[in-house]
Structures are given as structure tokens and as C-alpha cells.
Amino acid sequence: MTHSDPDAPRPVGRRLWVVVGATGTGKTALSLDLAEALASRGILAEIVNADAMQVYRGMDIGTAKLPAAERRGIPHHLFDVLDVTDEAAVAWFQDAARGAIGEVHDRGADAILVGGSGLYVSSVAYDFRFPPHDDALRAELEADLERNGPGALYARLRAVDPATAERVDPRNGRRIVRALEILAQGSATHGAALPAAPVLWHADTRIIGVEVPRDRLVPRLDARVEGMWRDGLVDEVRALLPRGLERGVTARRAIGYAQALAQLEGRLTEAEAVAETQALTRRYARRQVSWFRRYAEIRWVEPGADAGTLADSAP
């Protein structure tokens, strides 16, 4: 893919739609309905993925990735672009997604950004700026991590930036290293938080949140996880092992994939793997809802909302 300048002004009249919400709420269906509703009004639309795990080739069942045959002929972008051994860093995603959106707009179409990965969505929809990487410093910190473990680096982070340390898992060496790298370059690190006063990246942005009451969402999520196992998630993980899933920094930690891997290795029974995935999915859904509720511009709808009404809505 050849990206246009992601910071260049978008063509006049082209909109960025953002469809967000917790996992299992029907974002995908609404995005397809919205694209078709826009098309019926003479407005072309293309979909850009903002799910952190659907960027990986071969990770289909556990991410509920929509098969190409079911995409209704609507162009989709940023699906299946990374190997499971690649790291899907948010700064990379911001550049890739904004580049894809720029290309969609250059073709005269509206772009529909769809996903539930809060930081990924925010990095594209809002004015997020990431400090540059310092390869030498990164190597030094990673060597320190290898020698002394995450505890020592976390103590250092807590000493210099307690607020960021509170948001970082003390066991996540990768996140700790990145936070220290940013701080060492003299930059303030936002950790994984939306800026206090976020500014939209593209002026004509319309954000739609799909919401399901928790008493209805939890049974849907539990059933969805059970369906993943029935549909062959364990076999999918087994097939990804020769492709390096166990070496993947990001992919192997995905909810469902980590548990299926533990089942294959005999560390969890199938019942335990399913139950752990259900619990983590419910927790993740709560975090997603909390994240997206901070979007001042969001319009909340129920699954199956009239896409025609949304397409006709004022900014």
C-alpha cells in the first residue's frame, strides 16, 4: 500500500465515520449497513479496520473477522496485513490507518473506521502524537530488562513518572521500556490515556457508538466465546504455531489465543480455557465502554440502528 501524507488536509466534503463499542455489540454489521446507506445516497464508502488483532493474517475465528465473501462488495482495509510474529504498535497503526483513510478520501469516498481497540481508534480519530524511537536507548533498556527483569525497570518508572506507572502493568516489560524511552527523550508520556482535551484529527468526523445493556451483553459474550471453540479456535492456533505465534509479541497475548495456546500445551483444560477467555472478554468489554464514553462527540445507538437515519444525520 502506498500511503498519502496522513497529515495532509482531507478533500473537502469527505467524511470520516467512526463506529465503536464493546466487543460483540454489532459494530461490523452497522458499518456495512452504513456503507450501503451512504451508497444509496450516491456517496461511496470504504471500511478501515481498527481492531488490533484483525490486522493479523490467520487470526480469524478468535477475532470474529468478517470473511471476505460477507463484506457485501465494500472495500475493506487493514485486515491481514501483519504476520503473527510482527508487533502491532499503536504508532504504526496510526500511520497505516491515517494513510488508508487518506487514500479512501482521495478516491472521493467516505471512510468508516470500525473497531473496539480504544487506543488504536483514538490514535487515529484524535490528535495523538507519538515521540520518535531511539534505537540505541531502546536496546540499552531491553538489555536491562533481560538482565534484571521488569521489576527493576518498573521501580525506575515509578520514581520518575508515578502517574504513568499507575497505568502500566508492572509485568509488561515492553510497555515499561517504551515509557522509559519516551521519558528519557524529554517527552511527557500519555501512557495509554486519551488526552484531557482531545482534538479531532479530521474536522468532519462522526462518531457512532454501538451499545448493548450489560445484562444482555454478558450472555452474548459468553456464547460468542463458546462458539469460537466450537468453530475451531484451537485448530486455528495449532495452525499458527509453525508460523511463529509463540514468538509474537502482540498476537500470542490476544484474548482467546493465549488460552487456546495454554490448552494445547496442557496448562489449561478446555473448560478452563473457555472460562478464562469469557472472564477476560467481559472485563475487556467493560474497559471498552469506559473508554468510549469519554468521547464527547459520540452518538450512542443500539445494534440494528437505522443506518439510513445515521447517513442523513447532521455533523
C-alpha atoms as a PDB file:
ATOM      1  CA  MET A   1       0.000   0.000   0.000  1.00  0.00           C
ATOM      2  CA  THR A   2       1.303   3.453  -0.906  1.00  0.00           C
ATOM      3  CA  HIS A   3       0.156   5.973   1.673  1.00  0.00           C
ATOM      4  CA  SER A   4      -0.604   9.603   1.007  1.00  0.00           C
ATOM      5  CA  ASP A   5       0.566  12.113   3.589  1.00  0.00           C
ATOM      6  CA  PRO A   6      -1.568  11.287   6.662  1.00  0.00           C
ATOM      7  CA  ASP A   7      -1.289  14.865   7.951  1.00  0.00           C
ATOM      8  CA  ALA A   8      -2.373  16.466   4.674  1.00  0.00           C
ATOM      9  CA  PRO A   9      -5.817  18.144   4.595  1.00  0.00           C
ATOM     10  CA  ARG A  10      -8.577  15.769   3.549  1.00  0.00           C
ATOM     11  CA  PRO A  11     -10.544  16.573   0.366  1.00  0.00           C
ATOM     12  CA  VAL A  12     -13.482  18.876   1.051  1.00  0.00           C
ATOM     13  CA  GLY A  13     -16.761  17.064   1.674  1.00  0.00           C
ATOM     14  CA  ARG A  14     -15.282  13.671   2.524  1.00  0.00           C
ATOM     15  CA  ARG A  15     -16.215  12.439   5.960  1.00  0.00           C
ATOM     16  CA  LEU A  16     -14.638  10.137   8.499  1.00  0.00           C
ATOM     17  CA  TRP A  17     -17.160   7.925  10.231  1.00  0.00           C
ATOM     18  CA  VAL A  18     -16.017   6.125  13.380  1.00  0.00           C
ATOM     19  CA  VAL A  19     -18.028   3.121  14.585  1.00  0.00           C
ATOM     20  CA  VAL A  20     -17.003   1.925  18.043  1.00  0.00           C
ATOM     21  CA  GLY A  21     -18.267  -0.046  21.016  1.00  0.00           C
ATOM     22  CA  ALA A  22     -17.566  -3.089  23.130  1.00  0.00           C
ATOM     23  CA  THR A  23     -16.806  -6.425  21.531  1.00  0.00           C
ATOM     24  CA  GLY A  24     -19.892  -8.327  20.421  1.00  0.00           C
ATOM     25  CA  THR A  25     -22.186  -5.318  20.072  1.00  0.00           C
ATOM     26  CA  GLY A  26     -22.697  -5.441  16.299  1.00  0.00           C
ATOM     27  CA  LYS A  27     -20.236  -2.806  15.072  1.00  0.00           C
ATOM     28  CA  THR A  28     -19.368  -4.771  11.941  1.00  0.00           C
ATOM     29  CA  ALA A  29     -22.983  -5.166  10.826  1.00  0.00           C
ATOM     30  CA  LEU A  30     -23.702  -1.491  11.419  1.00  0.00           C
ATOM     31  CA  SER A  31     -20.627  -0.410   9.457  1.00  0.00           C
ATOM     32  CA  LEU A  32     -21.768  -2.484   6.469  1.00  0.00           C
ATOM     33  CA  ASP A  33     -25.308  -1.111   6.721  1.00  0.00           C
ATOM     34  CA  LEU A  34     -23.929   2.420   6.936  1.00  0.00           C
ATOM     35  CA  ALA A  35     -21.744   1.943   3.855  1.00  0.00           C
ATOM     36  CA  GLU A  36     -24.744   0.649   1.906  1.00  0.00           C
ATOM     37  CA  ALA A  37     -26.952   3.502   3.147  1.00  0.00           C
ATOM     38  CA  LEU A  38     -24.364   6.024   2.002  1.00  0.00           C
ATOM     39  CA  ALA A  39     -24.078   4.271  -1.368  1.00  0.00           C
ATOM     40  CA  SER A  40     -27.844   4.505  -1.821  1.00  0.00           C
ATOM     41  CA  ARG A  41     -27.431   8.253  -1.466  1.00  0.00           C
ATOM     42  CA  GLY A  42     -24.698   8.393  -4.070  1.00  0.00           C
ATOM     43  CA  ILE A  43     -21.814   8.512  -1.578  1.00  0.00           C
ATOM     44  CA  LEU A  44     -19.109   5.874  -1.890  1.00  0.00           C
ATOM     45  CA  ALA A  45     -17.752   4.499   1.382  1.00  0.00           C
ATOM     46  CA  GLU A  46     -14.918   2.140   2.341  1.00  0.00           C
ATOM     47  CA  ILE A  47     -14.186   0.466   5.662  1.00  0.00           C
ATOM     48  CA  VAL A  48     -10.914   0.724   7.609  1.00  0.00           C
ATOM     49  CA  ASN A  49     -10.252  -1.789  10.377  1.00  0.00           C
ATOM     50  CA  ALA A  50      -9.413  -0.541  13.887  1.00  0.00           C
ATOM     51  CA  ASP A  51      -9.296  -3.898  15.671  1.00  0.00           C
ATOM     52  CA  ALA A  52      -5.798  -4.517  16.999  1.00  0.00           C
ATOM     53  CA  MET A  53      -5.910  -8.263  16.302  1.00  0.00           C
ATOM     54  CA  GLN A  54      -7.723  -8.360  12.962  1.00  0.00           C
ATOM     55  CA  VAL A  55      -4.586  -6.911  11.358  1.00  0.00           C
ATOM     56  CA  TYR A  56      -3.001 -10.383  11.708  1.00  0.00           C
ATOM     57  CA  ARG A  57      -3.105 -12.975   8.960  1.00  0.00           C
ATOM     58  CA  GLY A  58      -4.601 -16.266  10.133  1.00  0.00           C
ATOM     59  CA  MET A  59      -6.247 -14.866  13.255  1.00  0.00           C
ATOM     60  CA  ASP A  60      -9.827 -15.147  12.101  1.00  0.00           C
ATOM     61  CA  ILE A  61     -12.042 -17.170  14.440  1.00  0.00           C
ATOM     62  CA  GLY A  62     -10.832 -15.644  17.694  1.00  0.00           C
ATOM     63  CA  THR A  63     -11.124 -12.079  16.346  1.00  0.00           C
ATOM     64  CA  ALA A  64     -14.546 -12.574  14.700  1.00  0.00           C
ATOM     65  CA  LYS A  65     -13.021 -11.342  11.453  1.00  0.00           C
ATOM     66  CA  LEU A  66     -15.623 -10.916   8.728  1.00  0.00           C
ATOM     67  CA  PRO A  67     -14.879 -13.273   5.807  1.00  0.00           C
ATOM     68  CA  ALA A  68     -14.215 -11.539   2.502  1.00  0.00           C
ATOM     69  CA  ALA A  69     -17.263 -13.219   0.977  1.00  0.00           C
ATOM     70  CA  GLU A  70     -19.513 -11.498   3.533  1.00  0.00           C
ATOM     71  CA  ARG A  71     -18.220  -7.950   3.030  1.00  0.00           C
ATOM     72  CA  ARG A  72     -21.004  -7.108   0.551  1.00  0.00           C
ATOM     73  CA  GLY A  73     -18.541  -5.924  -2.057  1.00  0.00           C
ATOM     74  CA  ILE A  74     -17.474  -2.993   0.134  1.00  0.00           C
ATOM     75  CA  PRO A  75     -13.706  -2.332   0.095  1.00  0.00           C
ATOM     76  CA  HIS A  76     -12.046  -3.180   3.427  1.00  0.00           C
ATOM     77  CA  HIS A  77      -8.578  -2.052   4.548  1.00  0.00           C
ATOM     78  CA  LEU A  78      -6.013  -3.030   7.223  1.00  0.00           C
ATOM     79  CA  PHE A  79      -7.128  -6.627   7.531  1.00  0.00           C
ATOM     80  CA  ASP A  80      -4.500  -9.390   7.296  1.00  0.00           C
ATOM     81  CA  VAL A  81      -1.554  -7.025   6.882  1.00  0.00           C
ATOM     82  CA  LEU A  82       0.811  -8.423   9.541  1.00  0.00           C
ATOM     83  CA  ASP A  83       2.342 -11.802  10.346  1.00  0.00           C
ATOM     84  CA  VAL A  84       1.772 -13.128  13.849  1.00  0.00           C
ATOM     85  CA  THR A  85       5.439 -12.518  14.631  1.00  0.00           C
ATOM     86  CA  ASP A  86       5.064  -8.772  13.909  1.00  0.00           C
ATOM     87  CA  GLU A  87       4.377  -6.223  16.625  1.00  0.00           C
ATOM     88  CA  ALA A  88       1.269  -4.115  16.091  1.00  0.00           C
ATOM     89  CA  ALA A  89       2.434  -0.925  17.814  1.00  0.00           C
ATOM     90  CA  VAL A  90      -0.119   1.860  18.072  1.00  0.00           C
ATOM     91  CA  ALA A  91       2.193   4.407  16.404  1.00  0.00           C
ATOM     92  CA  TRP A  92       2.480   2.067  13.409  1.00  0.00           C
ATOM     93  CA  PHE A  93      -1.277   1.653  13.329  1.00  0.00           C
ATOM     94  CA  GLN A  94      -1.917   5.392  13.457  1.00  0.00           C
ATOM     95  CA  ASP A  95       0.269   5.946  10.403  1.00  0.00           C
ATOM     96  CA  ALA A  96      -1.186   2.985   8.490  1.00  0.00           C
ATOM     97  CA  ALA A  97      -4.821   3.838   9.259  1.00  0.00           C
ATOM     98  CA  ARG A  98      -4.483   7.539   8.504  1.00  0.00           C
ATOM     99  CA  GLY A  99      -2.728   6.664   5.276  1.00  0.00           C
ATOM    100  CA  ALA A 100      -5.557   4.294   4.315  1.00  0.00           C
ATOM    101  CA  ILE A 101      -8.178   6.912   5.195  1.00  0.00           C
ATOM    102  CA  GLY A 102      -6.320   9.484   3.114  1.00  0.00           C
ATOM    103  CA  GLU A 103      -6.370   7.148   0.123  1.00  0.00           C
ATOM    104  CA  VAL A 104     -10.102   6.484   0.588  1.00  0.00           C
ATOM    105  CA  HIS A 105     -10.785  10.220   0.661  1.00  0.00           C
ATOM    106  CA  ASP A 106      -8.581  10.764  -2.375  1.00  0.00           C
ATOM    107  CA  ARG A 107     -10.833   8.325  -4.247  1.00  0.00           C
ATOM    108  CA  GLY A 108     -13.798  10.558  -3.386  1.00  0.00           C
ATOM    109  CA  ALA A 109     -15.278   8.196  -0.796  1.00  0.00           C
ATOM    110  CA  ASP A 110     -16.170   8.474   2.871  1.00  0.00           C
ATOM    111  CA  ALA A 111     -14.061   6.363   5.240  1.00  0.00           C
ATOM    112  CA  ILE A 112     -15.636   4.270   8.003  1.00  0.00           C
ATOM    113  CA  LEU A 113     -13.184   3.410  10.792  1.00  0.00           C
ATOM    114  CA  VAL A 114     -14.521   0.409  12.710  1.00  0.00           C
ATOM    115  CA  GLY A 115     -13.221  -1.280  15.837  1.00  0.00           C
ATOM    116  CA  GLY A 116     -13.176  -1.626  19.586  1.00  0.00           C
ATOM    117  CA  SER A 117      -9.478  -1.143  20.351  1.00  0.00           C
ATOM    118  CA  GLY A 118      -9.748   2.151  22.231  1.00  0.00           C
ATOM    119  CA  LEU A 119      -6.191   3.409  21.959  1.00  0.00           C
ATOM    120  CA  TYR A 120      -5.998   2.451  18.273  1.00  0.00           C
ATOM    121  CA  VAL A 121      -9.238   4.274  17.470  1.00  0.00           C
ATOM    122  CA  SER A 122      -8.214   7.325  19.492  1.00  0.00           C
ATOM    123  CA  SER A 123      -4.786   7.496  17.875  1.00  0.00           C
ATOM    124  CA  VAL A 124      -6.490   7.912  14.505  1.00  0.00           C
ATOM    125  CA  ALA A 125      -9.599   9.924  15.345  1.00  0.00           C
ATOM    126  CA  TYR A 126      -7.849  12.413  17.628  1.00  0.00           C
ATOM    127  CA  ASP A 127      -4.642  14.429  17.503  1.00  0.00           C
ATOM    128  CA  PHE A 128      -2.320  11.876  19.085  1.00  0.00           C
ATOM    129  CA  ARG A 129       1.403  12.500  18.605  1.00  0.00           C
ATOM    130  CA  PHE A 130       3.979   9.860  19.429  1.00  0.00           C
ATOM    131  CA  PRO A 131       7.601  10.569  20.376  1.00  0.00           C
ATOM    132  CA  PRO A 132      10.177   9.075  17.981  1.00  0.00           C
ATOM    133  CA  HIS A 133      12.013   5.848  18.748  1.00  0.00           C
ATOM    134  CA  ASP A 134      15.612   5.890  19.944  1.00  0.00           C
ATOM    135  CA  ASP A 135      17.009   2.535  18.836  1.00  0.00           C
ATOM    136  CA  ALA A 136      20.189   2.745  20.920  1.00  0.00           C
ATOM    137  CA  LEU A 137      18.315   3.709  24.059  1.00  0.00           C
ATOM    138  CA  ARG A 138      15.707   1.030  23.399  1.00  0.00           C
ATOM    139  CA  ALA A 139      18.426  -1.621  23.067  1.00  0.00           C
ATOM    140  CA  GLU A 140      20.012  -0.476  26.331  1.00  0.00           C
ATOM    141  CA  LEU A 141      16.679  -0.644  28.188  1.00  0.00           C
ATOM    142  CA  GLU A 142      15.820  -4.035  26.716  1.00  0.00           C
ATOM    143  CA  ALA A 143      19.213  -5.374  27.796  1.00  0.00           C
ATOM    144  CA  ASP A 144      18.499  -4.062  31.287  1.00  0.00           C
ATOM    145  CA  LEU A 145      15.106  -5.769  31.167  1.00  0.00           C
ATOM    146  CA  GLU A 146      16.735  -9.044  30.151  1.00  0.00           C
ATOM    147  CA  ARG A 147      19.299  -8.828  32.969  1.00  0.00           C
ATOM    148  CA  ASN A 148      17.138  -7.592  35.825  1.00  0.00           C
ATOM    149  CA  GLY A 149      13.531  -8.299  34.873  1.00  0.00           C
ATOM    150  CA  PRO A 150      10.593  -5.870  34.709  1.00  0.00           C
ATOM    151  CA  GLY A 151      10.531  -5.156  38.457  1.00  0.00           C
ATOM    152  CA  ALA A 152      13.673  -3.030  38.481  1.00  0.00           C
ATOM    153  CA  LEU A 153      12.614  -1.033  35.415  1.00  0.00           C
ATOM    154  CA  TYR A 154       9.125  -0.560  36.828  1.00  0.00           C
ATOM    155  CA  ALA A 155      10.616   0.845  40.043  1.00  0.00           C
ATOM    156  CA  ARG A 156      12.602   3.316  37.923  1.00  0.00           C
ATOM    157  CA  LEU A 157       9.460   4.324  36.015  1.00  0.00           C
ATOM    158  CA  ARG A 158       7.506   4.769  39.228  1.00  0.00           C
ATOM    159  CA  ALA A 159      10.244   7.021  40.594  1.00  0.00           C
ATOM    160  CA  VAL A 160      10.295   9.366  37.581  1.00  0.00           C
ATOM    161  CA  ASP A 161       6.619   9.255  36.477  1.00  0.00           C
ATOM    162  CA  PRO A 162       4.236   7.799  39.092  1.00  0.00           C
ATOM    163  CA  ALA A 163       1.126   8.662  37.058  1.00  0.00           C
ATOM    164  CA  THR A 164       2.273   6.638  34.054  1.00  0.00           C
ATOM    165  CA  ALA A 165       3.457   3.802  36.303  1.00  0.00           C
ATOM    166  CA  GLU A 166      -0.078   3.532  37.685  1.00  0.00           C
ATOM    167  CA  ARG A 167      -1.382   2.844  34.156  1.00  0.00           C
ATOM    168  CA  VAL A 168       1.262   0.281  33.210  1.00  0.00           C
ATOM    169  CA  ASP A 169       1.152  -3.393  34.152  1.00  0.00           C
ATOM    170  CA  PRO A 170       4.287  -3.988  36.297  1.00  0.00           C
ATOM    171  CA  ARG A 171       4.805  -7.287  34.426  1.00  0.00           C
ATOM    172  CA  ASN A 172       4.617  -5.769  30.939  1.00  0.00           C
ATOM    173  CA  GLY A 173       8.299  -5.206  30.190  1.00  0.00           C
ATOM    174  CA  ARG A 174       7.593  -3.927  26.675  1.00  0.00           C
ATOM    175  CA  ARG A 175       5.329  -1.122  27.918  1.00  0.00           C
ATOM    176  CA  ILE A 176       7.738  -0.203  30.721  1.00  0.00           C
ATOM    177  CA  VAL A 177      10.653   0.034  28.284  1.00  0.00           C
ATOM    178  CA  ARG A 178       8.678   2.259  25.906  1.00  0.00           C
ATOM    179  CA  ALA A 179       7.579   4.580  28.722  1.00  0.00           C
ATOM    180  CA  LEU A 180      11.157   4.980  29.944  1.00  0.00           C
ATOM    181  CA  GLU A 181      12.377   5.540  26.378  1.00  0.00           C
ATOM    182  CA  ILE A 182       9.880   8.378  25.914  1.00  0.00           C
ATOM    183  CA  LEU A 183      10.734   9.979  29.235  1.00  0.00           C
ATOM    184  CA  ALA A 184      14.457   9.786  28.525  1.00  0.00           C
ATOM    185  CA  GLN A 185      13.895  11.839  25.373  1.00  0.00           C
ATOM    186  CA  GLY A 186      12.403  14.621  27.439  1.00  0.00           C
ATOM    187  CA  SER A 187       8.807  13.959  26.420  1.00  0.00           C
ATOM    188  CA  ALA A 188       5.775  13.582  28.637  1.00  0.00           C
ATOM    189  CA  THR A 189       4.219  10.174  28.134  1.00  0.00           C
ATOM    190  CA  HIS A 190       0.456   9.799  27.915  1.00  0.00           C
ATOM    191  CA  GLY A 191       0.769   6.081  28.688  1.00  0.00           C
ATOM    192  CA  ALA A 192      -2.441   4.637  27.290  1.00  0.00           C
ATOM    193  CA  ALA A 193      -4.740   7.542  28.079  1.00  0.00           C
ATOM    194  CA  LEU A 194      -6.857   9.831  25.943  1.00  0.00           C
ATOM    195  CA  PRO A 195      -5.552  13.422  26.182  1.00  0.00           C
ATOM    196  CA  ALA A 196      -7.509  15.595  28.629  1.00  0.00           C
ATOM    197  CA  ALA A 197      -8.767  17.880  25.851  1.00  0.00           C
ATOM    198  CA  PRO A 198      -8.699  15.768  22.658  1.00  0.00           C
ATOM    199  CA  VAL A 199      -8.958  17.471  19.284  1.00  0.00           C
ATOM    200  CA  LEU A 200     -10.344  15.634  16.277  1.00  0.00           C
ATOM    201  CA  TRP A 201      -7.790  14.826  13.563  1.00  0.00           C
ATOM    202  CA  HIS A 202     -10.308  15.241  10.710  1.00  0.00           C
ATOM    203  CA  ALA A 203     -12.764  18.119  11.012  1.00  0.00           C
ATOM    204  CA  ASP A 204     -15.758  16.260   9.539  1.00  0.00           C
ATOM    205  CA  THR A 205     -15.780  13.250  11.866  1.00  0.00           C
ATOM    206  CA  ARG A 206     -18.930  11.497  13.053  1.00  0.00           C
ATOM    207  CA  ILE A 207     -18.561   9.008  15.882  1.00  0.00           C
ATOM    208  CA  ILE A 208     -21.183   6.324  16.447  1.00  0.00           C
ATOM    209  CA  GLY A 209     -21.112   4.063  19.488  1.00  0.00           C
ATOM    210  CA  VAL A 210     -22.996   0.768  19.489  1.00  0.00           C
ATOM    211  CA  GLU A 211     -24.270  -0.047  22.956  1.00  0.00           C
ATOM    212  CA  VAL A 212     -25.864  -3.129  24.487  1.00  0.00           C
ATOM    213  CA  PRO A 213     -27.003  -3.124  28.149  1.00  0.00           C
ATOM    214  CA  ARG A 214     -24.637  -5.221  30.238  1.00  0.00           C
ATOM    215  CA  ASP A 215     -27.310  -7.698  31.315  1.00  0.00           C
ATOM    216  CA  ARG A 216     -27.808  -8.531  27.633  1.00  0.00           C
ATOM    217  CA  LEU A 217     -24.190  -8.203  26.553  1.00  0.00           C
ATOM    218  CA  VAL A 218     -22.651 -10.677  29.025  1.00  0.00           C
ATOM    219  CA  PRO A 219     -24.667 -13.700  27.798  1.00  0.00           C
ATOM    220  CA  ARG A 220     -23.833 -12.724  24.214  1.00  0.00           C
ATOM    221  CA  LEU A 221     -20.131 -12.571  25.005  1.00  0.00           C
ATOM    222  CA  ASP A 222     -20.134 -15.890  26.860  1.00  0.00           C
ATOM    223  CA  ALA A 223     -21.962 -17.571  23.984  1.00  0.00           C
ATOM    224  CA  ARG A 224     -19.597 -15.987  21.491  1.00  0.00           C
ATOM    225  CA  VAL A 225     -16.556 -17.484  23.253  1.00  0.00           C
ATOM    226  CA  GLU A 226     -18.184 -20.920  23.342  1.00  0.00           C
ATOM    227  CA  GLY A 227     -18.858 -20.557  19.630  1.00  0.00           C
ATOM    228  CA  MET A 228     -15.192 -19.755  18.977  1.00  0.00           C
ATOM    229  CA  TRP A 229     -14.179 -23.080  20.463  1.00  0.00           C
ATOM    230  CA  ARG A 230     -16.909 -24.926  18.515  1.00  0.00           C
ATOM    231  CA  ASP A 231     -15.791 -23.213  15.307  1.00  0.00           C
ATOM    232  CA  GLY A 232     -12.218 -24.439  15.704  1.00  0.00           C
ATOM    233  CA  LEU A 233     -10.184 -21.784  17.527  1.00  0.00           C
ATOM    234  CA  VAL A 234      -7.845 -24.412  18.961  1.00  0.00           C
ATOM    235  CA  ASP A 235      -7.167 -25.785  15.471  1.00  0.00           C
ATOM    236  CA  GLU A 236      -6.582 -22.238  14.222  1.00  0.00           C
ATOM    237  CA  VAL A 237      -3.996 -21.679  16.966  1.00  0.00           C
ATOM    238  CA  ARG A 238      -2.370 -25.035  16.197  1.00  0.00           C
ATOM    239  CA  ALA A 239      -2.033 -23.980  12.547  1.00  0.00           C
ATOM    240  CA  LEU A 240      -0.421 -20.679  13.604  1.00  0.00           C
ATOM    241  CA  LEU A 241       2.326 -22.336  15.636  1.00  0.00           C
ATOM    242  CA  PRO A 242       4.542 -23.139  12.619  1.00  0.00           C
ATOM    243  CA  ARG A 243       4.107 -19.503  11.569  1.00  0.00           C
ATOM    244  CA  GLY A 244       5.616 -18.286  14.847  1.00  0.00           C
ATOM    245  CA  LEU A 245       2.632 -17.470  17.055  1.00  0.00           C
ATOM    246  CA  GLU A 246       4.575 -18.286  20.215  1.00  0.00           C
ATOM    247  CA  ARG A 247       7.222 -15.715  19.235  1.00  0.00           C
ATOM    248  CA  GLY A 248       4.696 -12.975  18.572  1.00  0.00           C
ATOM    249  CA  VAL A 249       4.945 -10.062  20.972  1.00  0.00           C
ATOM    250  CA  THR A 250       1.337  -8.960  20.452  1.00  0.00           C
ATOM    251  CA  ALA A 251      -0.521 -11.801  18.748  1.00  0.00           C
ATOM    252  CA  ARG A 252       0.168 -14.557  21.270  1.00  0.00           C
ATOM    253  CA  ARG A 253      -1.301 -12.431  24.068  1.00  0.00           C
ATOM    254  CA  ALA A 254      -4.657 -11.907  22.369  1.00  0.00           C
ATOM    255  CA  ILE A 255      -7.652 -12.933  24.448  1.00  0.00           C
ATOM    256  CA  GLY A 256      -8.687 -16.417  23.384  1.00  0.00           C
ATOM    257  CA  TYR A 257      -5.437 -17.161  21.575  1.00  0.00           C
ATOM    258  CA  ALA A 258      -3.386 -17.173  24.789  1.00  0.00           C
ATOM    259  CA  GLN A 259      -5.925 -19.509  26.393  1.00  0.00           C
ATOM    260  CA  ALA A 260      -6.160 -21.837  23.383  1.00  0.00           C
ATOM    261  CA  LEU A 261      -2.351 -21.984  23.346  1.00  0.00           C
ATOM    262  CA  ALA A 262      -2.354 -22.888  27.045  1.00  0.00           C
ATOM    263  CA  GLN A 263      -4.873 -25.632  26.284  1.00  0.00           C
ATOM    264  CA  LEU A 264      -2.663 -27.050  23.548  1.00  0.00           C
ATOM    265  CA  GLU A 265       0.302 -27.010  25.920  1.00  0.00           C
ATOM    266  CA  GLY A 266      -1.682 -28.787  28.623  1.00  0.00           C
ATOM    267  CA  ARG A 267      -1.620 -25.864  31.051  1.00  0.00           C
ATOM    268  CA  LEU A 268      -5.410 -25.443  30.887  1.00  0.00           C
ATOM    269  CA  THR A 269      -8.265 -27.843  30.230  1.00  0.00           C
ATOM    270  CA  GLU A 270     -10.752 -26.837  27.534  1.00  0.00           C
ATOM    271  CA  ALA A 271     -13.303 -25.857  30.187  1.00  0.00           C
ATOM    272  CA  GLU A 272     -10.716 -23.726  31.980  1.00  0.00           C
ATOM    273  CA  ALA A 273      -9.578 -22.096  28.737  1.00  0.00           C
ATOM    274  CA  VAL A 274     -13.148 -21.205  27.784  1.00  0.00           C
ATOM    275  CA  ALA A 275     -13.988 -19.886  31.259  1.00  0.00           C
ATOM    276  CA  GLU A 276     -10.822 -17.765  31.427  1.00  0.00           C
ATOM    277  CA  THR A 277     -11.487 -16.329  27.960  1.00  0.00           C
ATOM    278  CA  GLN A 278     -15.063 -15.478  28.942  1.00  0.00           C
ATOM    279  CA  ALA A 279     -13.919 -13.688  32.098  1.00  0.00           C
ATOM    280  CA  LEU A 280     -11.239 -11.708  30.250  1.00  0.00           C
ATOM    281  CA  THR A 281     -13.661 -10.824  27.453  1.00  0.00           C
ATOM    282  CA  ARG A 282     -16.221  -9.486  29.937  1.00  0.00           C
ATOM    283  CA  ARG A 283     -13.515  -7.417  31.634  1.00  0.00           C
ATOM    284  CA  TYR A 284     -12.257  -6.107  28.299  1.00  0.00           C
ATOM    285  CA  ALA A 285     -15.795  -5.098  27.290  1.00  0.00           C
ATOM    286  CA  ARG A 286     -16.141  -3.043  30.487  1.00  0.00           C
ATOM    287  CA  ARG A 287     -12.897  -1.226  29.703  1.00  0.00           C
ATOM    288  CA  GLN A 288     -14.034  -0.547  26.139  1.00  0.00           C
ATOM    289  CA  VAL A 289     -17.299   1.013  27.272  1.00  0.00           C
ATOM    290  CA  SER A 290     -15.499   3.186  29.832  1.00  0.00           C
ATOM    291  CA  TRP A 291     -13.005   4.340  27.196  1.00  0.00           C
ATOM    292  CA  PHE A 292     -15.544   5.283  24.540  1.00  0.00           C
ATOM    293  CA  ARG A 293     -17.837   7.058  26.991  1.00  0.00           C
ATOM    294  CA  ARG A 294     -15.197   9.791  27.204  1.00  0.00           C
ATOM    295  CA  TYR A 295     -15.742  10.713  23.539  1.00  0.00           C
ATOM    296  CA  ALA A 296     -17.648  13.994  23.709  1.00  0.00           C
ATOM    297  CA  GLU A 297     -18.721  13.701  20.049  1.00  0.00           C
ATOM    298  CA  ILE A 298     -20.155  10.185  20.261  1.00  0.00           C
ATOM    299  CA  ARG A 299     -23.736   9.296  19.333  1.00  0.00           C
ATOM    300  CA  TRP A 300     -24.887   6.090  21.010  1.00  0.00           C
ATOM    301  CA  VAL A 301     -27.209   3.705  19.180  1.00  0.00           C
ATOM    302  CA  GLU A 302     -28.485   0.173  19.682  1.00  0.00           C
ATOM    303  CA  PRO A 303     -27.497  -2.760  17.446  1.00  0.00           C
ATOM    304  CA  GLY A 304     -29.500  -2.738  14.253  1.00  0.00           C
ATOM    305  CA  ALA A 305     -29.982   1.050  14.336  1.00  0.00           C
ATOM    306  CA  ASP A 306     -31.364   2.569  11.141  1.00  0.00           C
ATOM    307  CA  ALA A 307     -28.246   3.225   9.081  1.00  0.00           C
ATOM    308  CA  GLY A 308     -30.220   5.465   6.735  1.00  0.00           C
ATOM    309  CA  THR A 309     -31.023   7.828   9.566  1.00  0.00           C
ATOM    310  CA  LEU A 310     -27.361   7.866  10.563  1.00  0.00           C
ATOM    311  CA  ALA A 311     -26.283   8.550   6.982  1.00  0.00           C
ATOM    312  CA  ASP A 312     -28.615  11.535   6.832  1.00  0.00           C
ATOM    313  CA  SER A 313     -27.598  12.883  10.248  1.00  0.00           C
ATOM    314  CA  ALA A 314     -26.075  16.317  10.655  1.00  0.00           C
ATOM    315  CA  PRO A 315     -22.438  16.576  11.759  1.00  0.00           C
END
